[in-house]
């Protein structure tokens, strides 16, 4: 069954080098990644995420709950079939992949 990450991005504090590593790992772990990215996020980070095979939707920041609803709606509109959805705020994804990559990968593969 496909694994799809749903996440919200709002100006994460991450270097482009670390972001590149995170994106590489996400492409290994997940079949697809859907992101809502706030328009206040740096253009370098937005560009880096958009260049990947991620599905990105830029939104105006209107609170975390709104961003979560929008990323779910975005994915549900575009995905069909049986899938497992995993939701996590992107800053938490970054921390998990930089500090606990093996544990996260093992958890998601079970």
C-alpha atoms as a PDB file:
ATOM      1  CA  UNK A   1       0.000   0.000   0.000  1.00  0.00           C
ATOM      2  CA  UNK A   2       1.277   3.453  -0.885  1.00  0.00           C
ATOM      3  CA  UNK A   3       2.573   5.699   1.895  1.00  0.00           C
ATOM      4  CA  UNK A   4       1.811   9.391   1.566  1.00  0.00           C
ATOM      5  CA  UNK A   5       3.144  12.155   3.792  1.00  0.00           C
ATOM      6  CA  UNK A   6       0.936  15.162   4.473  1.00  0.00           C
ATOM      7  CA  UNK A   7       2.759  18.085   6.018  1.00  0.00           C
ATOM      8  CA  UNK A   8       2.633  21.819   6.573  1.00  0.00           C
ATOM      9  CA  UNK A   9       5.627  24.082   6.033  1.00  0.00           C
ATOM     10  CA  UNK A  10       5.832  27.471   7.703  1.00  0.00           C
ATOM     11  CA  UNK A  11       9.289  29.049   7.556  1.00  0.00           C
ATOM     12  CA  UNK A  12      11.311  26.100   8.952  1.00  0.00           C
ATOM     13  CA  UNK A  13      14.691  26.816  10.519  1.00  0.00           C
ATOM     14  CA  UNK A  14      16.825  24.463   8.417  1.00  0.00           C
ATOM     15  CA  UNK A  15      19.912  24.848   6.270  1.00  0.00           C
ATOM     16  CA  UNK A  16      19.572  24.065   2.580  1.00  0.00           C
ATOM     17  CA  UNK A  17      22.105  21.240   2.989  1.00  0.00           C
ATOM     18  CA  UNK A  18      20.000  19.622   5.723  1.00  0.00           C
ATOM     19  CA  UNK A  19      16.827  20.248   3.732  1.00  0.00           C
ATOM     20  CA  UNK A  20      18.350  18.427   0.768  1.00  0.00           C
ATOM     21  CA  UNK A  21      19.094  15.432   3.004  1.00  0.00           C
ATOM     22  CA  UNK A  22      15.553  15.492   4.441  1.00  0.00           C
ATOM     23  CA  UNK A  23      14.055  15.587   0.958  1.00  0.00           C
ATOM     24  CA  UNK A  24      16.194  12.665  -0.196  1.00  0.00           C
ATOM     25  CA  UNK A  25      15.058  10.610   2.786  1.00  0.00           C
ATOM     26  CA  UNK A  26      11.413  11.517   2.215  1.00  0.00           C
ATOM     27  CA  UNK A  27      11.670  10.301  -1.362  1.00  0.00           C
ATOM     28  CA  UNK A  28      12.991   6.966  -0.080  1.00  0.00           C
ATOM     29  CA  UNK A  29      10.406   6.514   2.681  1.00  0.00           C
ATOM     30  CA  UNK A  30       7.236   7.849   1.027  1.00  0.00           C
ATOM     31  CA  UNK A  31       5.623   7.209  -2.326  1.00  0.00           C
ATOM     32  CA  UNK A  32       4.283  10.760  -2.434  1.00  0.00           C
ATOM     33  CA  UNK A  33       4.603  13.923  -0.364  1.00  0.00           C
ATOM     34  CA  UNK A  34       1.919  16.625  -0.168  1.00  0.00           C
ATOM     35  CA  UNK A  35       2.869  19.967   1.359  1.00  0.00           C
ATOM     36  CA  UNK A  36       1.133  23.225   2.083  1.00  0.00           C
ATOM     37  CA  UNK A  37       3.788  25.930   2.218  1.00  0.00           C
ATOM     38  CA  UNK A  38       3.045  29.318   3.732  1.00  0.00           C
ATOM     39  CA  UNK A  39       3.870  32.260   1.506  1.00  0.00           C
ATOM     40  CA  UNK A  40       6.185  33.671   4.223  1.00  0.00           C
ATOM     41  CA  UNK A  41       8.526  30.699   3.872  1.00  0.00           C
ATOM     42  CA  UNK A  42      11.815  31.689   2.267  1.00  0.00           C
ATOM     43  CA  UNK A  43      11.951  31.491  -1.497  1.00  0.00           C
ATOM     44  CA  UNK A  44      15.026  29.214  -1.289  1.00  0.00           C
ATOM     45  CA  UNK A  45      13.136  26.648   0.794  1.00  0.00           C
ATOM     46  CA  UNK A  46      10.011  26.908  -1.391  1.00  0.00           C
ATOM     47  CA  UNK A  47      12.121  26.418  -4.515  1.00  0.00           C
ATOM     48  CA  UNK A  48      13.996  23.486  -3.037  1.00  0.00           C
ATOM     49  CA  UNK A  49      10.777  21.724  -2.054  1.00  0.00           C
ATOM     50  CA  UNK A  50       9.049  22.470  -5.349  1.00  0.00           C
ATOM     51  CA  UNK A  51      11.979  21.115  -7.370  1.00  0.00           C
ATOM     52  CA  UNK A  52      11.462  17.699  -5.830  1.00  0.00           C
ATOM     53  CA  UNK A  53       8.682  15.425  -6.952  1.00  0.00           C
ATOM     54  CA  UNK A  54       6.610  16.758  -4.043  1.00  0.00           C
ATOM     55  CA  UNK A  55       3.115  18.127  -4.498  1.00  0.00           C
ATOM     56  CA  UNK A  56       3.269  21.683  -3.163  1.00  0.00           C
ATOM     57  CA  UNK A  57       0.520  24.209  -2.556  1.00  0.00           C
ATOM     58  CA  UNK A  58       1.447  27.718  -1.440  1.00  0.00           C
ATOM     59  CA  UNK A  59      -1.047  29.198   1.012  1.00  0.00           C
ATOM     60  CA  UNK A  60      -1.488  32.341   3.084  1.00  0.00           C
ATOM     61  CA  UNK A  61      -0.827  31.609   6.772  1.00  0.00           C
ATOM     62  CA  UNK A  62      -4.141  31.390   8.572  1.00  0.00           C
ATOM     63  CA  UNK A  63      -3.228  29.128  11.481  1.00  0.00           C
ATOM     64  CA  UNK A  64      -1.960  25.572  11.746  1.00  0.00           C
ATOM     65  CA  UNK A  65      -5.402  23.966  11.671  1.00  0.00           C
ATOM     66  CA  UNK A  66      -6.247  25.725   8.409  1.00  0.00           C
ATOM     67  CA  UNK A  67      -2.980  24.563   6.825  1.00  0.00           C
ATOM     68  CA  UNK A  68      -3.657  20.987   7.976  1.00  0.00           C
ATOM     69  CA  UNK A  69      -7.155  21.017   6.490  1.00  0.00           C
ATOM     70  CA  UNK A  70      -5.799  22.389   3.216  1.00  0.00           C
ATOM     71  CA  UNK A  71      -3.052  19.775   2.858  1.00  0.00           C
ATOM     72  CA  UNK A  72      -5.551  16.988   3.527  1.00  0.00           C
ATOM     73  CA  UNK A  73      -8.031  18.401   0.999  1.00  0.00           C
ATOM     74  CA  UNK A  74      -5.188  18.840  -1.514  1.00  0.00           C
ATOM     75  CA  UNK A  75      -4.138  15.189  -1.198  1.00  0.00           C
ATOM     76  CA  UNK A  76      -7.637  13.732  -1.152  1.00  0.00           C
ATOM     77  CA  UNK A  77      -8.442  15.596  -4.372  1.00  0.00           C
ATOM     78  CA  UNK A  78      -5.428  14.056  -6.142  1.00  0.00           C
ATOM     79  CA  UNK A  79      -4.956  10.567  -4.679  1.00  0.00           C
ATOM     80  CA  UNK A  80      -7.038   7.514  -5.381  1.00  0.00           C
ATOM     81  CA  UNK A  81      -6.823   3.920  -4.320  1.00  0.00           C
ATOM     82  CA  UNK A  82      -5.739   2.399  -1.050  1.00  0.00           C
ATOM     83  CA  UNK A  83      -3.088   4.453   0.694  1.00  0.00           C
ATOM     84  CA  UNK A  84      -1.761   5.120   4.148  1.00  0.00           C
ATOM     85  CA  UNK A  85      -1.635   8.800   5.023  1.00  0.00           C
ATOM     86  CA  UNK A  86       0.871  10.064   7.575  1.00  0.00           C
ATOM     87  CA  UNK A  87       0.526  13.605   8.892  1.00  0.00           C
ATOM     88  CA  UNK A  88       3.315  15.461  10.666  1.00  0.00           C
ATOM     89  CA  UNK A  89       4.301  19.138  10.810  1.00  0.00           C
ATOM     90  CA  UNK A  90       7.355  19.612   8.606  1.00  0.00           C
ATOM     91  CA  UNK A  91       9.559  20.978  11.388  1.00  0.00           C
ATOM     92  CA  UNK A  92       8.983  17.688  13.258  1.00  0.00           C
ATOM     93  CA  UNK A  93       9.767  15.712  10.094  1.00  0.00           C
ATOM     94  CA  UNK A  94      13.060  17.595   9.812  1.00  0.00           C
ATOM     95  CA  UNK A  95      14.015  16.855  13.420  1.00  0.00           C
ATOM     96  CA  UNK A  96      13.027  13.192  13.115  1.00  0.00           C
ATOM     97  CA  UNK A  97      15.012  12.647   9.938  1.00  0.00           C
ATOM     98  CA  UNK A  98      18.085  14.517  11.138  1.00  0.00           C
ATOM     99  CA  UNK A  99      18.167  12.899  14.584  1.00  0.00           C
ATOM    100  CA  UNK A 100      16.230   9.615  14.434  1.00  0.00           C
ATOM    101  CA  UNK A 101      16.135   8.594  10.790  1.00  0.00           C
ATOM    102  CA  UNK A 102      16.447   4.834  11.353  1.00  0.00           C
ATOM    103  CA  UNK A 103      13.759   4.791  14.044  1.00  0.00           C
ATOM    104  CA  UNK A 104      11.362   6.803  11.892  1.00  0.00           C
ATOM    105  CA  UNK A 105      12.004   4.612   8.848  1.00  0.00           C
ATOM    106  CA  UNK A 106      11.472   1.441  10.854  1.00  0.00           C
ATOM    107  CA  UNK A 107       8.239   2.787  12.365  1.00  0.00           C
ATOM    108  CA  UNK A 108       6.815   3.739   8.975  1.00  0.00           C
ATOM    109  CA  UNK A 109       7.791   0.454   7.339  1.00  0.00           C
ATOM    110  CA  UNK A 110       5.837  -1.655   9.842  1.00  0.00           C
END
